[in-house]
Amino acid sequence: MDRPEDRPEERPEDKVLHFKGGIPGFPTAEHFTLTDLTDDGIFQQLNCLEDPDLVMVVLFPWLAFPDYSPDLPDAELRTLGIESPEDVVLFCTVMVDEQAEQIYVNLRAPFVANARTMVARQLVLDDDTLPLRAAIPSGG
């Protein structure tokens, strides 16, 4: 199987997301990688390089919520150096409630990265219509 990390032309440091100042609750967690958890790439794992025990499951929200359209603040986009929509990589944290057999996605606090520079931030949006725990629809 041809995995991106096996390709010699790609350096591992090119795939490291840099969260300057960390993420909320983890101020020293600044460098992360994404790895696929499923063969189809729907679920990924965000791995902290500073703390190997800090891992989160994430997904691209449009896979489960096709109408998801968060209003990203212009100031945040400028901070990330995002100049065009093609620069934006956005993914959200996944939570599993095993007792209820339900998977949830945090749509209010997405991770946003600049695809060119790999600079990233977790944004906590002021939009109360975006849930912190959106249940993934059946079949989603």
N, C-alpha and C. Protein backbone atom coordinates (compact mmCIF):
# COMPACT_ATOMS: atom_id res chain seq x y z
N MET A 1 0.85 -1.18 0.00
CA MET A 1 0.00 0.00 0.00
C MET A 1 0.90 1.24 0.00
N ASP A 2 0.62 2.16 -0.87
CA ASP A 2 1.39 3.39 -0.98
C ASP A 2 0.85 4.42 0.01
N ARG A 3 1.57 4.61 1.10
CA ARG A 3 1.16 5.59 2.10
C ARG A 3 1.97 6.86 1.90
N PRO A 4 1.38 8.04 2.20
CA PRO A 4 2.12 9.29 2.03
C PRO A 4 3.45 9.31 2.75
N GLU A 5 3.55 8.72 3.94
CA GLU A 5 4.80 8.76 4.69
C GLU A 5 5.88 7.90 4.04
N ASP A 6 5.49 7.02 3.09
CA ASP A 6 6.46 6.17 2.39
C ASP A 6 7.03 6.84 1.15
N ARG A 7 6.48 7.97 0.75
CA ARG A 7 6.95 8.64 -0.45
C ARG A 7 8.17 9.50 -0.14
N PRO A 8 9.30 9.23 -0.79
CA PRO A 8 10.54 9.93 -0.44
C PRO A 8 10.50 11.43 -0.72
N GLU A 9 9.70 11.86 -1.68
CA GLU A 9 9.68 13.29 -2.02
C GLU A 9 8.96 14.14 -0.97
N GLU A 10 8.25 13.51 -0.05
CA GLU A 10 7.55 14.25 0.98
C GLU A 10 8.28 14.10 2.30
N ARG A 11 8.63 15.21 2.90
CA ARG A 11 9.31 15.18 4.19
C ARG A 11 8.27 15.16 5.31
N PRO A 12 8.49 14.42 6.40
CA PRO A 12 7.53 14.36 7.50
C PRO A 12 7.21 15.74 8.08
N GLU A 13 8.21 16.62 8.15
CA GLU A 13 7.96 17.95 8.74
C GLU A 13 6.99 18.78 7.90
N ASP A 14 6.80 18.41 6.61
CA ASP A 14 5.82 19.11 5.79
C ASP A 14 4.40 18.79 6.22
N LYS A 15 4.21 17.72 6.97
CA LYS A 15 2.88 17.28 7.36
C LYS A 15 2.55 17.64 8.81
N VAL A 16 3.41 18.37 9.47
CA VAL A 16 3.19 18.74 10.86
C VAL A 16 2.42 20.05 10.92
N LEU A 17 1.28 20.00 11.61
CA LEU A 17 0.49 21.20 11.84
C LEU A 17 1.09 21.94 13.03
N HIS A 18 1.23 23.25 12.90
CA HIS A 18 1.80 24.06 13.98
C HIS A 18 0.72 24.95 14.57
N PHE A 19 0.36 24.67 15.83
CA PHE A 19 -0.61 25.46 16.58
C PHE A 19 0.18 26.37 17.52
N LYS A 20 0.51 27.58 17.09
CA LYS A 20 1.29 28.49 17.92
C LYS A 20 0.49 28.82 19.18
N GLY A 21 1.09 28.57 20.34
CA GLY A 21 0.40 28.80 21.60
C GLY A 21 -0.49 27.64 22.01
N GLY A 22 -0.42 26.53 21.28
CA GLY A 22 -1.18 25.33 21.61
C GLY A 22 -2.64 25.41 21.22
N ILE A 23 -3.42 24.53 21.81
CA ILE A 23 -4.86 24.50 21.59
C ILE A 23 -5.53 24.73 22.94
N PRO A 24 -6.80 25.16 22.95
CA PRO A 24 -7.46 25.42 24.23
C PRO A 24 -7.34 24.24 25.18
N GLY A 25 -6.85 24.53 26.39
CA GLY A 25 -6.67 23.50 27.40
C GLY A 25 -5.31 22.84 27.37
N PHE A 26 -4.57 23.04 26.28
CA PHE A 26 -3.24 22.42 26.12
C PHE A 26 -2.28 23.43 25.51
N PRO A 27 -1.86 24.43 26.29
CA PRO A 27 -1.06 25.52 25.73
C PRO A 27 0.33 25.12 25.22
N THR A 28 0.85 24.00 25.67
CA THR A 28 2.17 23.59 25.20
C THR A 28 2.10 22.56 24.07
N ALA A 29 0.91 22.20 23.68
CA ALA A 29 0.73 21.23 22.59
C ALA A 29 0.65 22.01 21.27
N GLU A 30 1.80 22.17 20.63
CA GLU A 30 1.88 23.02 19.43
C GLU A 30 2.04 22.28 18.12
N HIS A 31 2.51 21.05 18.13
CA HIS A 31 2.81 20.35 16.88
C HIS A 31 2.02 19.04 16.82
N PHE A 32 1.29 18.86 15.73
CA PHE A 32 0.42 17.70 15.56
C PHE A 32 0.56 17.14 14.16
N THR A 33 0.29 15.85 14.05
CA THR A 33 0.18 15.21 12.75
C THR A 33 -1.21 14.59 12.65
N LEU A 34 -1.65 14.36 11.42
CA LEU A 34 -2.92 13.68 11.17
C LEU A 34 -2.62 12.33 10.54
N THR A 35 -3.26 11.29 11.06
CA THR A 35 -3.13 9.96 10.46
C THR A 35 -4.52 9.38 10.27
N ASP A 36 -4.70 8.63 9.21
CA ASP A 36 -5.99 7.99 8.95
C ASP A 36 -6.25 6.90 9.97
N LEU A 37 -7.48 6.86 10.48
CA LEU A 37 -7.90 5.79 11.37
C LEU A 37 -8.70 4.72 10.63
N THR A 38 -9.28 5.11 9.51
CA THR A 38 -10.10 4.19 8.72
C THR A 38 -9.57 4.17 7.30
N ASP A 39 -9.79 3.05 6.62
CA ASP A 39 -9.31 2.90 5.25
C ASP A 39 -9.87 3.96 4.32
N ASP A 40 -11.10 4.41 4.59
CA ASP A 40 -11.72 5.41 3.72
C ASP A 40 -11.31 6.83 4.07
N GLY A 41 -10.53 7.01 5.16
CA GLY A 41 -10.03 8.33 5.53
C GLY A 41 -11.06 9.23 6.19
N ILE A 42 -12.26 8.71 6.48
CA ILE A 42 -13.29 9.55 7.09
C ILE A 42 -12.85 9.99 8.48
N PHE A 43 -12.38 9.05 9.29
CA PHE A 43 -11.93 9.40 10.63
C PHE A 43 -10.41 9.44 10.64
N GLN A 44 -9.89 10.52 11.24
CA GLN A 44 -8.45 10.68 11.36
C GLN A 44 -8.09 10.90 12.81
N GLN A 45 -6.83 10.72 13.12
CA GLN A 45 -6.34 10.95 14.47
C GLN A 45 -5.37 12.11 14.46
N LEU A 46 -5.62 13.08 15.32
CA LEU A 46 -4.74 14.22 15.50
C LEU A 46 -3.80 13.85 16.64
N ASN A 47 -2.51 13.74 16.34
CA ASN A 47 -1.50 13.26 17.28
C ASN A 47 -0.58 14.40 17.70
N CYS A 48 -0.45 14.62 18.99
CA CYS A 48 0.43 15.66 19.50
C CYS A 48 1.86 15.13 19.58
N LEU A 49 2.79 15.87 19.01
CA LEU A 49 4.19 15.46 19.04
C LEU A 49 4.85 15.74 20.39
N GLU A 50 4.39 16.76 21.10
CA GLU A 50 4.95 17.07 22.42
C GLU A 50 4.48 16.09 23.49
N ASP A 51 3.27 15.59 23.33
CA ASP A 51 2.67 14.69 24.33
C ASP A 51 1.98 13.54 23.58
N PRO A 52 2.66 12.41 23.41
CA PRO A 52 2.10 11.29 22.66
C PRO A 52 0.77 10.77 23.22
N ASP A 53 0.46 11.08 24.48
CA ASP A 53 -0.81 10.64 25.05
C ASP A 53 -1.97 11.55 24.64
N LEU A 54 -1.67 12.70 24.06
CA LEU A 54 -2.70 13.62 23.63
C LEU A 54 -3.06 13.32 22.17
N VAL A 55 -4.17 12.65 21.99
CA VAL A 55 -4.67 12.31 20.65
C VAL A 55 -6.16 12.61 20.60
N MET A 56 -6.63 13.00 19.44
CA MET A 56 -8.04 13.27 19.23
C MET A 56 -8.47 12.68 17.90
N VAL A 57 -9.68 12.17 17.88
CA VAL A 57 -10.26 11.71 16.62
C VAL A 57 -10.97 12.91 15.99
N VAL A 58 -10.74 13.10 14.70
CA VAL A 58 -11.33 14.23 13.98
C VAL A 58 -11.88 13.74 12.64
N LEU A 59 -12.69 14.60 12.03
CA LEU A 59 -13.17 14.33 10.68
C LEU A 59 -13.43 15.65 9.97
N PHE A 60 -13.50 15.57 8.64
CA PHE A 60 -13.89 16.72 7.85
C PHE A 60 -15.42 16.79 7.97
N PRO A 61 -15.96 17.86 8.54
CA PRO A 61 -17.38 17.89 8.92
C PRO A 61 -18.36 17.70 7.77
N TRP A 62 -17.96 18.06 6.56
CA TRP A 62 -18.89 17.97 5.44
C TRP A 62 -19.24 16.53 5.09
N LEU A 63 -18.43 15.58 5.56
CA LEU A 63 -18.74 14.17 5.30
C LEU A 63 -20.01 13.75 6.02
N ALA A 64 -20.29 14.34 7.17
CA ALA A 64 -21.50 14.02 7.94
C ALA A 64 -22.53 15.14 7.92
N PHE A 65 -22.06 16.36 7.70
CA PHE A 65 -22.94 17.53 7.71
C PHE A 65 -22.69 18.36 6.45
N PRO A 66 -23.25 17.95 5.31
CA PRO A 66 -22.95 18.61 4.03
C PRO A 66 -23.27 20.10 3.99
N ASP A 67 -24.19 20.56 4.85
CA ASP A 67 -24.57 21.98 4.85
C ASP A 67 -23.76 22.82 5.83
N TYR A 68 -22.79 22.22 6.49
CA TYR A 68 -21.98 22.94 7.47
C TYR A 68 -21.26 24.09 6.76
N SER A 69 -21.47 25.29 7.27
CA SER A 69 -20.88 26.47 6.65
C SER A 69 -20.56 27.51 7.72
N PRO A 70 -19.51 27.27 8.50
CA PRO A 70 -19.19 28.20 9.58
C PRO A 70 -18.65 29.52 9.04
N ASP A 71 -18.97 30.58 9.74
CA ASP A 71 -18.45 31.90 9.39
C ASP A 71 -17.14 32.09 10.14
N LEU A 72 -16.04 31.92 9.42
CA LEU A 72 -14.72 32.05 10.03
C LEU A 72 -14.33 33.52 10.07
N PRO A 73 -13.98 34.04 11.24
CA PRO A 73 -13.64 35.46 11.37
C PRO A 73 -12.45 35.85 10.49
N ASP A 74 -12.59 36.98 9.81
CA ASP A 74 -11.52 37.48 8.93
C ASP A 74 -10.20 37.64 9.68
N ALA A 75 -10.27 38.11 10.92
CA ALA A 75 -9.03 38.31 11.69
C ALA A 75 -8.31 36.98 11.90
N GLU A 76 -9.06 35.91 12.14
CA GLU A 76 -8.45 34.59 12.32
C GLU A 76 -7.84 34.09 11.01
N LEU A 77 -8.53 34.32 9.90
CA LEU A 77 -8.01 33.91 8.60
C LEU A 77 -6.70 34.65 8.30
N ARG A 78 -6.65 35.95 8.63
CA ARG A 78 -5.42 36.73 8.43
C ARG A 78 -4.30 36.19 9.31
N THR A 79 -4.62 35.88 10.57
CA THR A 79 -3.62 35.33 11.49
C THR A 79 -3.01 34.05 10.94
N LEU A 80 -3.83 33.25 10.29
CA LEU A 80 -3.36 31.98 9.71
C LEU A 80 -2.71 32.17 8.35
N GLY A 81 -2.78 33.39 7.80
CA GLY A 81 -2.19 33.65 6.49
C GLY A 81 -3.01 33.07 5.35
N ILE A 82 -4.29 32.85 5.59
CA ILE A 82 -5.17 32.28 4.56
C ILE A 82 -5.58 33.39 3.60
N GLU A 83 -5.27 33.17 2.33
CA GLU A 83 -5.54 34.17 1.30
C GLU A 83 -6.66 33.76 0.36
N SER A 84 -6.99 32.48 0.31
CA SER A 84 -8.05 32.02 -0.59
C SER A 84 -8.72 30.79 0.02
N PRO A 85 -9.93 30.46 -0.44
CA PRO A 85 -10.61 29.28 0.09
C PRO A 85 -9.81 28.00 -0.09
N GLU A 86 -8.97 27.94 -1.11
CA GLU A 86 -8.16 26.74 -1.35
C GLU A 86 -7.11 26.53 -0.25
N ASP A 87 -6.79 27.58 0.48
CA ASP A 87 -5.81 27.48 1.57
C ASP A 87 -6.38 26.82 2.82
N VAL A 88 -7.72 26.77 2.95
CA VAL A 88 -8.36 26.34 4.18
C VAL A 88 -8.49 24.82 4.27
N VAL A 89 -8.01 24.29 5.38
CA VAL A 89 -8.28 22.91 5.77
C VAL A 89 -9.01 23.00 7.10
N LEU A 90 -10.18 22.38 7.18
CA LEU A 90 -11.00 22.49 8.38
C LEU A 90 -11.44 21.09 8.80
N PHE A 91 -11.28 20.80 10.08
CA PHE A 91 -11.74 19.51 10.60
C PHE A 91 -12.23 19.71 12.02
N CYS A 92 -13.04 18.78 12.50
CA CYS A 92 -13.69 18.91 13.80
C CYS A 92 -13.44 17.68 14.66
N THR A 93 -13.48 17.89 15.98
CA THR A 93 -13.28 16.84 16.96
C THR A 93 -14.48 15.91 17.00
N VAL A 94 -14.19 14.62 17.13
CA VAL A 94 -15.21 13.58 17.24
C VAL A 94 -15.22 13.06 18.67
N MET A 95 -16.43 12.84 19.20
CA MET A 95 -16.60 12.25 20.53
C MET A 95 -17.52 11.05 20.39
N VAL A 96 -17.23 10.00 21.12
CA VAL A 96 -18.06 8.81 21.06
C VAL A 96 -18.72 8.59 22.42
N ASP A 97 -20.03 8.42 22.39
CA ASP A 97 -20.78 8.04 23.58
C ASP A 97 -21.11 6.57 23.41
N GLU A 98 -20.25 5.73 23.99
CA GLU A 98 -20.41 4.28 23.81
C GLU A 98 -21.70 3.76 24.41
N GLN A 99 -22.11 4.34 25.52
CA GLN A 99 -23.34 3.89 26.17
C GLN A 99 -24.55 4.14 25.27
N ALA A 100 -24.59 5.30 24.63
CA ALA A 100 -25.70 5.62 23.74
C ALA A 100 -25.45 5.13 22.31
N GLU A 101 -24.26 4.58 22.08
CA GLU A 101 -23.86 4.13 20.73
C GLU A 101 -24.06 5.25 19.71
N GLN A 102 -23.54 6.42 20.05
CA GLN A 102 -23.69 7.59 19.20
C GLN A 102 -22.34 8.30 19.04
N ILE A 103 -22.09 8.81 17.85
CA ILE A 103 -20.89 9.59 17.57
C ILE A 103 -21.32 11.05 17.41
N TYR A 104 -20.56 11.93 18.04
CA TYR A 104 -20.84 13.37 18.00
C TYR A 104 -19.65 14.11 17.40
N VAL A 105 -19.95 15.28 16.85
CA VAL A 105 -18.92 16.15 16.28
C VAL A 105 -19.09 17.54 16.88
N ASN A 106 -17.98 18.16 17.26
CA ASN A 106 -18.00 19.53 17.77
C ASN A 106 -17.92 20.47 16.58
N LEU A 107 -19.06 21.04 16.20
CA LEU A 107 -19.10 21.94 15.04
C LEU A 107 -18.81 23.39 15.42
N ARG A 108 -18.82 23.71 16.71
CA ARG A 108 -18.60 25.09 17.12
C ARG A 108 -17.13 25.45 17.30
N ALA A 109 -16.28 24.44 17.45
CA ALA A 109 -14.85 24.72 17.68
C ALA A 109 -13.99 23.94 16.69
N PRO A 110 -14.07 24.31 15.41
CA PRO A 110 -13.28 23.57 14.41
C PRO A 110 -11.79 23.90 14.49
N PHE A 111 -11.00 22.97 14.00
CA PHE A 111 -9.59 23.22 13.78
C PHE A 111 -9.48 23.77 12.36
N VAL A 112 -8.76 24.87 12.19
CA VAL A 112 -8.58 25.48 10.88
C VAL A 112 -7.09 25.58 10.62
N ALA A 113 -6.67 25.12 9.44
CA ALA A 113 -5.25 25.15 9.09
C ALA A 113 -5.07 25.76 7.72
N ASN A 114 -3.90 26.35 7.54
CA ASN A 114 -3.50 26.86 6.23
C ASN A 114 -2.78 25.70 5.53
N ALA A 115 -3.35 25.25 4.42
CA ALA A 115 -2.80 24.09 3.71
C ALA A 115 -1.39 24.35 3.17
N ARG A 116 -1.07 25.61 2.90
CA ARG A 116 0.26 25.93 2.36
C ARG A 116 1.33 25.98 3.44
N THR A 117 1.02 26.60 4.57
CA THR A 117 2.02 26.83 5.61
C THR A 117 1.93 25.84 6.78
N MET A 118 0.82 25.13 6.89
CA MET A 118 0.56 24.17 7.97
C MET A 118 0.39 24.86 9.33
N VAL A 119 0.18 26.18 9.34
CA VAL A 119 -0.13 26.90 10.56
C VAL A 119 -1.61 26.66 10.86
N ALA A 120 -1.94 26.38 12.13
CA ALA A 120 -3.31 26.02 12.47
C ALA A 120 -3.73 26.64 13.80
N ARG A 121 -5.04 26.67 13.99
CA ARG A 121 -5.63 27.14 15.24
C ARG A 121 -6.94 26.39 15.46
N GLN A 122 -7.32 26.25 16.71
CA GLN A 122 -8.67 25.80 16.99
C GLN A 122 -9.47 27.05 17.28
N LEU A 123 -10.52 27.25 16.53
CA LEU A 123 -11.36 28.43 16.70
C LEU A 123 -12.61 28.06 17.49
N VAL A 124 -12.95 28.86 18.46
CA VAL A 124 -14.21 28.70 19.17
C VAL A 124 -15.12 29.80 18.63
N LEU A 125 -16.07 29.40 17.80
CA LEU A 125 -16.92 30.35 17.09
C LEU A 125 -18.04 30.86 17.99
N ASP A 126 -18.45 32.11 17.76
CA ASP A 126 -19.52 32.74 18.56
C ASP A 126 -20.92 32.35 18.10
N ASP A 127 -21.03 31.47 17.13
CA ASP A 127 -22.31 31.10 16.55
C ASP A 127 -23.01 30.04 17.41
N ASP A 128 -24.04 30.47 18.17
CA ASP A 128 -24.76 29.56 19.05
C ASP A 128 -25.58 28.52 18.30
N THR A 129 -25.76 28.69 16.99
CA THR A 129 -26.51 27.71 16.22
C THR A 129 -25.66 26.48 15.90
N LEU A 130 -24.34 26.61 16.07
CA LEU A 130 -23.44 25.48 15.83
C LEU A 130 -23.28 24.70 17.13
N PRO A 131 -23.66 23.45 17.14
CA PRO A 131 -23.61 22.67 18.39
C PRO A 131 -22.20 22.20 18.75
N LEU A 132 -21.99 22.07 20.05
CA LEU A 132 -20.75 21.49 20.56
C LEU A 132 -20.78 19.98 20.40
N ARG A 133 -21.99 19.41 20.36
CA ARG A 133 -22.17 17.96 20.20
C ARG A 133 -23.28 17.70 19.19
N ALA A 134 -22.90 17.65 17.93
CA ALA A 134 -23.86 17.34 16.87
C ALA A 134 -23.80 15.84 16.59
N ALA A 135 -24.91 15.17 16.73
CA ALA A 135 -24.96 13.72 16.48
C ALA A 135 -24.80 13.46 14.98
N ILE A 136 -23.89 12.55 14.65
CA ILE A 136 -23.74 12.18 13.26
C ILE A 136 -24.99 11.40 12.85
N PRO A 137 -25.65 11.84 11.79
CA PRO A 137 -26.86 11.15 11.34
C PRO A 137 -26.59 9.69 10.98
N SER A 138 -27.57 8.85 11.16
CA SER A 138 -27.44 7.44 10.80
C SER A 138 -27.03 7.33 9.35
N GLY A 139 -26.05 6.45 9.11
CA GLY A 139 -25.54 6.28 7.75
C GLY A 139 -24.55 7.34 7.37
N GLY A 140 -24.23 8.31 8.31
CA GLY A 140 -23.29 9.39 8.00
C GLY A 140 -21.92 9.11 8.47
